[in-house]
């Protein structure tokens, strides 16, 4: 089972950037696609306290979660390359 949980939106270019990196590194992850409206993103808000995406949670991270696509990509490269 994957230790990586991704919250994202299908049409979001920042989310796509993270998915592309996960795929490039051939990493398994659990994906939750959130609604476009921030007010309807209760699942990601419950997990992270905020509604922005993309967000990853990973059992291997020191941080509780990462919520910036550049930070996420850097983390994935550092941790899994």
PDB file of N, CA and C in Angstrom:
ATOM      1  N   UNK A   1       0.841  -1.190   0.000  1.00  0.00           N
ATOM      2  CA  UNK A   1       0.000   0.000   0.000  1.00  0.00           C
ATOM      3  C   UNK A   1       0.884   1.251   0.000  1.00  0.00           C
ATOM      4  N   UNK A   2       0.431   2.245  -0.696  1.00  0.00           N
ATOM      5  CA  UNK A   2       1.194   3.477  -0.842  1.00  0.00           C
ATOM      6  C   UNK A   2       1.213   4.280   0.453  1.00  0.00           C
ATOM      7  N   UNK A   3       2.330   4.948   0.667  1.00  0.00           N
ATOM      8  CA  UNK A   3       2.405   5.866   1.805  1.00  0.00           C
ATOM      9  C   UNK A   3       2.096   7.290   1.369  1.00  0.00           C
ATOM     10  N   UNK A   4       1.943   7.510   0.052  1.00  0.00           N
ATOM     11  CA  UNK A   4       1.711   8.852  -0.480  1.00  0.00           C
ATOM     12  C   UNK A   4       0.231   9.046  -0.766  1.00  0.00           C
ATOM     13  N   UNK A   5      -0.310  10.125  -0.245  1.00  0.00           N
ATOM     14  CA  UNK A   5      -1.701  10.511  -0.492  1.00  0.00           C
ATOM     15  C   UNK A   5      -1.665  11.854  -1.197  1.00  0.00           C
ATOM     16  N   UNK A   6      -2.306  11.935  -2.362  1.00  0.00           N
ATOM     17  CA  UNK A   6      -2.351  13.161  -3.150  1.00  0.00           C
ATOM     18  C   UNK A   6      -3.778  13.673  -3.223  1.00  0.00           C
ATOM     19  N   UNK A   7      -3.962  14.932  -2.887  1.00  0.00           N
ATOM     20  CA  UNK A   7      -5.220  15.641  -3.113  1.00  0.00           C
ATOM     21  C   UNK A   7      -4.961  16.582  -4.274  1.00  0.00           C
ATOM     22  N   UNK A   8      -5.819  16.504  -5.290  1.00  0.00           N
ATOM     23  CA  UNK A   8      -5.583  17.337  -6.468  1.00  0.00           C
ATOM     24  C   UNK A   8      -6.873  17.604  -7.226  1.00  0.00           C
ATOM     25  N   UNK A   9      -6.728  18.383  -8.297  1.00  0.00           N
ATOM     26  CA  UNK A   9      -7.824  18.643  -9.233  1.00  0.00           C
ATOM     27  C   UNK A   9      -7.351  18.202 -10.608  1.00  0.00           C
ATOM     28  N   UNK A  10      -8.257  17.601 -11.368  1.00  0.00           N
ATOM     29  CA  UNK A  10      -7.905  17.071 -12.684  1.00  0.00           C
ATOM     30  C   UNK A  10      -7.333  18.121 -13.616  1.00  0.00           C
ATOM     31  N   UNK A  11      -7.962  19.272 -13.714  1.00  0.00           N
ATOM     32  CA  UNK A  11      -7.578  20.291 -14.692  1.00  0.00           C
ATOM     33  C   UNK A  11      -6.557  21.298 -14.175  1.00  0.00           C
ATOM     34  N   UNK A  12      -6.081  21.121 -12.981  1.00  0.00           N
ATOM     35  CA  UNK A  12      -5.135  22.063 -12.377  1.00  0.00           C
ATOM     36  C   UNK A  12      -3.721  21.789 -12.896  1.00  0.00           C
ATOM     37  N   UNK A  13      -3.062  22.787 -13.499  1.00  0.00           N
ATOM     38  CA  UNK A  13      -1.707  22.556 -14.019  1.00  0.00           C
ATOM     39  C   UNK A  13      -0.690  22.231 -12.914  1.00  0.00           C
ATOM     40  N   UNK A  14      -0.889  22.768 -11.730  1.00  0.00           N
ATOM     41  CA  UNK A  14       0.017  22.469 -10.615  1.00  0.00           C
ATOM     42  C   UNK A  14      -0.158  21.020 -10.153  1.00  0.00           C
ATOM     43  N   UNK A  15      -1.404  20.561 -10.147  1.00  0.00           N
ATOM     44  CA  UNK A  15      -1.674  19.165  -9.809  1.00  0.00           C
ATOM     45  C   UNK A  15      -1.070  18.238 -10.858  1.00  0.00           C
ATOM     46  N   UNK A  16      -1.195  18.613 -12.126  1.00  0.00           N
ATOM     47  CA  UNK A  16      -0.639  17.800 -13.214  1.00  0.00           C
ATOM     48  C   UNK A  16       0.872  17.679 -13.071  1.00  0.00           C
ATOM     49  N   UNK A  17       1.514  18.764 -12.710  1.00  0.00           N
ATOM     50  CA  UNK A  17       2.967  18.765 -12.508  1.00  0.00           C
ATOM     51  C   UNK A  17       3.367  17.727 -11.451  1.00  0.00           C
ATOM     52  N   UNK A  18       2.605  17.659 -10.370  1.00  0.00           N
ATOM     53  CA  UNK A  18       2.888  16.699  -9.305  1.00  0.00           C
ATOM     54  C   UNK A  18       2.596  15.276  -9.777  1.00  0.00           C
ATOM     55  N   UNK A  19       1.457  15.060 -10.441  1.00  0.00           N
ATOM     56  CA  UNK A  19       1.139  13.726 -10.963  1.00  0.00           C
ATOM     57  C   UNK A  19       2.208  13.256 -11.946  1.00  0.00           C
ATOM     58  N   UNK A  20       2.655  14.156 -12.807  1.00  0.00           N
ATOM     59  CA  UNK A  20       3.695  13.804 -13.778  1.00  0.00           C
ATOM     60  C   UNK A  20       4.972  13.355 -13.070  1.00  0.00           C
ATOM     61  N   UNK A  21       5.357  14.040 -12.004  1.00  0.00           N
ATOM     62  CA  UNK A  21       6.570  13.662 -11.260  1.00  0.00           C
ATOM     63  C   UNK A  21       6.372  12.319 -10.571  1.00  0.00           C
ATOM     64  N   UNK A  22       5.214  12.110  -9.972  1.00  0.00           N
ATOM     65  CA  UNK A  22       4.931  10.819  -9.342  1.00  0.00           C
ATOM     66  C   UNK A  22       5.013   9.693 -10.368  1.00  0.00           C
ATOM     67  N   UNK A  23       4.447   9.926 -11.547  1.00  0.00           N
ATOM     68  CA  UNK A  23       4.479   8.917 -12.608  1.00  0.00           C
ATOM     69  C   UNK A  23       5.899   8.715 -13.133  1.00  0.00           C
ATOM     70  N   UNK A  24       6.626   9.803 -13.313  1.00  0.00           N
ATOM     71  CA  UNK A  24       8.016   9.720 -13.785  1.00  0.00           C
ATOM     72  C   UNK A  24       8.867   8.872 -12.840  1.00  0.00           C
ATOM     73  N   UNK A  25       8.627   9.017 -11.547  1.00  0.00           N
ATOM     74  CA  UNK A  25       9.371   8.254 -10.545  1.00  0.00           C
ATOM     75  C   UNK A  25       8.759   6.876 -10.298  1.00  0.00           C
ATOM     76  N   UNK A  26       7.677   6.575 -11.019  1.00  0.00           N
ATOM     77  CA  UNK A  26       6.985   5.284 -10.924  1.00  0.00           C
ATOM     78  C   UNK A  26       6.559   4.980  -9.485  1.00  0.00           C
ATOM     79  N   UNK A  27       6.002   6.002  -8.838  1.00  0.00           N
ATOM     80  CA  UNK A  27       5.561   5.865  -7.454  1.00  0.00           C
ATOM     81  C   UNK A  27       4.074   5.558  -7.394  1.00  0.00           C
ATOM     82  N   UNK A  28       3.711   4.671  -6.498  1.00  0.00           N
ATOM     83  CA  UNK A  28       2.299   4.418  -6.240  1.00  0.00           C
ATOM     84  C   UNK A  28       1.798   5.483  -5.274  1.00  0.00           C
ATOM     85  N   UNK A  29       0.560   5.913  -5.489  1.00  0.00           N
ATOM     86  CA  UNK A  29      -0.025   6.913  -4.600  1.00  0.00           C
ATOM     87  C   UNK A  29      -1.535   6.794  -4.633  1.00  0.00           C
ATOM     88  N   UNK A  30      -2.150   7.218  -3.555  1.00  0.00           N
ATOM     89  CA  UNK A  30      -3.606   7.272  -3.465  1.00  0.00           C
ATOM     90  C   UNK A  30      -4.025   8.683  -3.829  1.00  0.00           C
ATOM     91  N   UNK A  31      -4.881   8.794  -4.826  1.00  0.00           N
ATOM     92  CA  UNK A  31      -5.304  10.108  -5.320  1.00  0.00           C
ATOM     93  C   UNK A  31      -6.747  10.388  -4.926  1.00  0.00           C
ATOM     94  N   UNK A  32      -6.980  11.578  -4.434  1.00  0.00           N
ATOM     95  CA  UNK A  32      -8.327  12.064  -4.175  1.00  0.00           C
ATOM     96  C   UNK A  32      -8.509  13.341  -4.977  1.00  0.00           C
ATOM     97  N   UNK A  33      -9.410  13.289  -5.949  1.00  0.00           N
ATOM     98  CA  UNK A  33      -9.715  14.464  -6.764  1.00  0.00           C
ATOM     99  C   UNK A  33     -10.755  15.280  -6.010  1.00  0.00           C
ATOM    100  N   UNK A  34     -10.431  16.545  -5.771  1.00  0.00           N
ATOM    101  CA  UNK A  34     -11.320  17.412  -5.000  1.00  0.00           C
ATOM    102  C   UNK A  34     -12.147  18.282  -5.942  1.00  0.00           C
ATOM    103  N   UNK A  35     -13.284  18.792  -5.467  1.00  0.00           N
ATOM    104  CA  UNK A  35     -14.111  19.683  -6.290  1.00  0.00           C
ATOM    105  C   UNK A  35     -13.387  20.990  -6.609  1.00  0.00           C
ATOM    106  N   UNK A  36     -13.855  21.665  -7.644  1.00  0.00           N
ATOM    107  CA  UNK A  36     -13.276  22.954  -8.018  1.00  0.00           C
ATOM    108  C   UNK A  36     -13.504  24.012  -6.936  1.00  0.00           C
ATOM    109  N   UNK A  37     -14.679  24.007  -6.337  1.00  0.00           N
ATOM    110  CA  UNK A  37     -15.036  25.024  -5.340  1.00  0.00           C
ATOM    111  C   UNK A  37     -14.341  24.746  -4.005  1.00  0.00           C
ATOM    112  N   UNK A  38     -13.606  25.731  -3.515  1.00  0.00           N
ATOM    113  CA  UNK A  38     -12.912  25.583  -2.229  1.00  0.00           C
ATOM    114  C   UNK A  38     -13.880  25.223  -1.108  1.00  0.00           C
ATOM    115  N   UNK A  39     -15.078  25.766  -1.145  1.00  0.00           N
ATOM    116  CA  UNK A  39     -16.059  25.523  -0.085  1.00  0.00           C
ATOM    117  C   UNK A  39     -16.491  24.056  -0.019  1.00  0.00           C
ATOM    118  N   UNK A  40     -16.251  23.302  -1.093  1.00  0.00           N
ATOM    119  CA  UNK A  40     -16.663  21.897  -1.147  1.00  0.00           C
ATOM    120  C   UNK A  40     -15.495  20.932  -0.918  1.00  0.00           C
ATOM    121  N   UNK A  41     -14.372  21.429  -0.475  1.00  0.00           N
ATOM    122  CA  UNK A  41     -13.175  20.594  -0.308  1.00  0.00           C
ATOM    123  C   UNK A  41     -12.978  20.164   1.146  1.00  0.00           C
ATOM    124  N   UNK A  42     -14.026  19.646   1.744  1.00  0.00           N
ATOM    125  CA  UNK A  42     -13.966  19.303   3.165  1.00  0.00           C
ATOM    126  C   UNK A  42     -12.960  18.194   3.453  1.00  0.00           C
ATOM    127  N   UNK A  43     -12.793  17.252   2.532  1.00  0.00           N
ATOM    128  CA  UNK A  43     -11.880  16.134   2.792  1.00  0.00           C
ATOM    129  C   UNK A  43     -10.431  16.602   2.927  1.00  0.00           C
ATOM    130  N   UNK A  44      -9.986  17.454   2.005  1.00  0.00           N
ATOM    131  CA  UNK A  44      -8.613  17.953   2.094  1.00  0.00           C
ATOM    132  C   UNK A  44      -8.468  18.919   3.275  1.00  0.00           C
ATOM    133  N   UNK A  45      -9.514  19.673   3.572  1.00  0.00           N
ATOM    134  CA  UNK A  45      -9.461  20.593   4.713  1.00  0.00           C
ATOM    135  C   UNK A  45      -9.350  19.833   6.035  1.00  0.00           C
ATOM    136  N   UNK A  46     -10.074  18.722   6.148  1.00  0.00           N
ATOM    137  CA  UNK A  46      -9.989  17.914   7.367  1.00  0.00           C
ATOM    138  C   UNK A  46      -8.593  17.328   7.545  1.00  0.00           C
ATOM    139  N   UNK A  47      -7.953  16.958   6.430  1.00  0.00           N
ATOM    140  CA  UNK A  47      -6.631  16.327   6.495  1.00  0.00           C
ATOM    141  C   UNK A  47      -5.509  17.329   6.730  1.00  0.00           C
ATOM    142  N   UNK A  48      -5.685  18.579   6.224  1.00  0.00           N
ATOM    143  CA  UNK A  48      -4.566  19.523   6.234  1.00  0.00           C
ATOM    144  C   UNK A  48      -4.868  20.870   6.877  1.00  0.00           C
ATOM    145  N   UNK A  49      -6.133  21.174   7.103  1.00  0.00           N
ATOM    146  CA  UNK A  49      -6.490  22.471   7.662  1.00  0.00           C
ATOM    147  C   UNK A  49      -6.565  23.583   6.634  1.00  0.00           C
ATOM    148  N   UNK A  50      -6.419  23.253   5.364  1.00  0.00           N
ATOM    149  CA  UNK A  50      -6.507  24.251   4.289  1.00  0.00           C
ATOM    150  C   UNK A  50      -7.162  23.585   3.072  1.00  0.00           C
ATOM    151  N   UNK A  51      -7.516  24.382   2.054  1.00  0.00           N
ATOM    152  CA  UNK A  51      -8.262  23.831   0.919  1.00  0.00           C
ATOM    153  C   UNK A  51      -7.519  23.902  -0.405  1.00  0.00           C
ATOM    154  N   UNK A  52      -6.305  24.413  -0.410  1.00  0.00           N
ATOM    155  CA  UNK A  52      -5.546  24.494  -1.651  1.00  0.00           C
ATOM    156  C   UNK A  52      -5.036  23.134  -2.098  1.00  0.00           C
ATOM    157  N   UNK A  53      -4.867  22.970  -3.398  1.00  0.00           N
ATOM    158  CA  UNK A  53      -4.280  21.764  -3.971  1.00  0.00           C
ATOM    159  C   UNK A  53      -3.279  22.173  -5.038  1.00  0.00           C
ATOM    160  N   UNK A  54      -2.321  21.343  -5.338  1.00  0.00           N
ATOM    161  CA  UNK A  54      -2.129  19.978  -4.850  1.00  0.00           C
ATOM    162  C   UNK A  54      -1.557  19.951  -3.431  1.00  0.00           C
ATOM    163  N   UNK A  55      -1.824  18.835  -2.776  1.00  0.00           N
ATOM    164  CA  UNK A  55      -1.299  18.563  -1.441  1.00  0.00           C
ATOM    165  C   UNK A  55      -0.874  17.100  -1.408  1.00  0.00           C
ATOM    166  N   UNK A  56       0.286  16.832  -0.811  1.00  0.00           N
ATOM    167  CA  UNK A  56       0.629  15.438  -0.543  1.00  0.00           C
ATOM    168  C   UNK A  56       0.881  15.245   0.943  1.00  0.00           C
ATOM    169  N   UNK A  57       0.540  14.047   1.367  1.00  0.00           N
ATOM    170  CA  UNK A  57       0.880  13.553   2.688  1.00  0.00           C
ATOM    171  C   UNK A  57       1.681  12.282   2.441  1.00  0.00           C
ATOM    172  N   UNK A  58       2.750  12.103   3.170  1.00  0.00           N
ATOM    173  CA  UNK A  58       3.600  10.936   2.977  1.00  0.00           C
ATOM    174  C   UNK A  58       4.148  10.523   4.333  1.00  0.00           C
ATOM    175  N   UNK A  59       4.012   9.258   4.645  1.00  0.00           N
ATOM    176  CA  UNK A  59       4.518   8.752   5.923  1.00  0.00           C
ATOM    177  C   UNK A  59       6.014   8.995   6.085  1.00  0.00           C
ATOM    178  N   UNK A  60       6.733   9.166   4.973  1.00  0.00           N
ATOM    179  CA  UNK A  60       8.182   9.368   5.021  1.00  0.00           C
ATOM    180  C   UNK A  60       8.589  10.830   5.227  1.00  0.00           C
ATOM    181  N   UNK A  61       7.627  11.753   5.235  1.00  0.00           N
ATOM    182  CA  UNK A  61       7.935  13.185   5.365  1.00  0.00           C
ATOM    183  C   UNK A  61       8.078  13.593   6.821  1.00  0.00           C
ATOM    184  N   UNK A  62       8.958  14.559   7.052  1.00  0.00           N
ATOM    185  CA  UNK A  62       9.035  15.178   8.374  1.00  0.00           C
ATOM    186  C   UNK A  62       7.857  16.124   8.582  1.00  0.00           C
ATOM    187  N   UNK A  63       7.459  16.812   7.496  1.00  0.00           N
ATOM    188  CA  UNK A  63       6.341  17.746   7.556  1.00  0.00           C
ATOM    189  C   UNK A  63       5.027  16.968   7.613  1.00  0.00           C
ATOM    190  N   UNK A  64       3.992  17.618   8.128  1.00  0.00           N
ATOM    191  CA  UNK A  64       2.671  16.999   8.163  1.00  0.00           C
ATOM    192  C   UNK A  64       2.128  16.817   6.746  1.00  0.00           C
ATOM    193  N   UNK A  65       2.346  17.845   5.903  1.00  0.00           N
ATOM    194  CA  UNK A  65       1.935  17.785   4.502  1.00  0.00           C
ATOM    195  C   UNK A  65       2.701  18.852   3.738  1.00  0.00           C
ATOM    196  N   UNK A  66       2.703  18.730   2.408  1.00  0.00           N
ATOM    197  CA  UNK A  66       3.256  19.759   1.531  1.00  0.00           C
ATOM    198  C   UNK A  66       2.153  20.225   0.604  1.00  0.00           C
ATOM    199  N   UNK A  67       2.084  21.552   0.363  1.00  0.00           N
ATOM    200  CA  UNK A  67       0.969  22.103  -0.397  1.00  0.00           C
ATOM    201  C   UNK A  67       1.399  23.035  -1.520  1.00  0.00           C
ATOM    202  N   UNK A  68       2.630  22.992  -1.934  1.00  0.00           N
ATOM    203  CA  UNK A  68       3.105  23.805  -3.050  1.00  0.00           C
ATOM    204  C   UNK A  68       3.717  22.856  -4.074  1.00  0.00           C
ATOM    205  N   UNK A  69       3.317  22.972  -5.334  1.00  0.00           N
ATOM    206  CA  UNK A  69       3.762  22.004  -6.342  1.00  0.00           C
ATOM    207  C   UNK A  69       5.281  21.959  -6.471  1.00  0.00           C
ATOM    208  N   UNK A  70       5.953  23.107  -6.425  1.00  0.00           N
ATOM    209  CA  UNK A  70       7.416  23.113  -6.518  1.00  0.00           C
ATOM    210  C   UNK A  70       8.046  22.402  -5.316  1.00  0.00           C
ATOM    211  N   UNK A  71       7.528  22.672  -4.132  1.00  0.00           N
ATOM    212  CA  UNK A  71       8.034  22.003  -2.928  1.00  0.00           C
ATOM    213  C   UNK A  71       7.784  20.499  -2.992  1.00  0.00           C
ATOM    214  N   UNK A  72       6.620  20.120  -3.493  1.00  0.00           N
ATOM    215  CA  UNK A  72       6.279  18.701  -3.603  1.00  0.00           C
ATOM    216  C   UNK A  72       7.226  18.002  -4.570  1.00  0.00           C
ATOM    217  N   UNK A  73       7.447  18.603  -5.742  1.00  0.00           N
ATOM    218  CA  UNK A  73       8.340  17.998  -6.736  1.00  0.00           C
ATOM    219  C   UNK A  73       9.758  17.871  -6.173  1.00  0.00           C
ATOM    220  N   UNK A  74      10.250  18.911  -5.519  1.00  0.00           N
ATOM    221  CA  UNK A  74      11.588  18.844  -4.911  1.00  0.00           C
ATOM    222  C   UNK A  74      11.665  17.724  -3.870  1.00  0.00           C
ATOM    223  N   UNK A  75      10.636  17.625  -3.047  1.00  0.00           N
ATOM    224  CA  UNK A  75      10.597  16.563  -2.041  1.00  0.00           C
ATOM    225  C   UNK A  75      10.626  15.186  -2.703  1.00  0.00           C
ATOM    226  N   UNK A  76       9.789  14.990  -3.715  1.00  0.00           N
ATOM    227  CA  UNK A  76       9.728  13.687  -4.384  1.00  0.00           C
ATOM    228  C   UNK A  76      11.068  13.328  -5.015  1.00  0.00           C
ATOM    229  N   UNK A  77      11.706  14.298  -5.651  1.00  0.00           N
ATOM    230  CA  UNK A  77      13.019  14.044  -6.260  1.00  0.00           C
ATOM    231  C   UNK A  77      14.056  13.691  -5.195  1.00  0.00           C
ATOM    232  N   UNK A  78      14.056  14.419  -4.106  1.00  0.00           N
ATOM    233  CA  UNK A  78      15.021  14.193  -3.031  1.00  0.00           C
ATOM    234  C   UNK A  78      14.779  12.842  -2.344  1.00  0.00           C
ATOM    235  N   UNK A  79      13.530  12.534  -2.104  1.00  0.00           N
ATOM    236  CA  UNK A  79      13.189  11.335  -1.339  1.00  0.00           C
ATOM    237  C   UNK A  79      13.216  10.062  -2.180  1.00  0.00           C
ATOM    238  N   UNK A  80      12.828  10.151  -3.456  1.00  0.00           N
ATOM    239  CA  UNK A  80      12.574   8.940  -4.232  1.00  0.00           C
ATOM    240  C   UNK A  80      13.408   8.786  -5.500  1.00  0.00           C
ATOM    241  N   UNK A  81      14.280   9.735  -5.815  1.00  0.00           N
ATOM    242  CA  UNK A  81      15.095   9.595  -7.033  1.00  0.00           C
ATOM    243  C   UNK A  81      16.282   8.694  -6.786  1.00  0.00           C
TER     244      UNK A  81
END
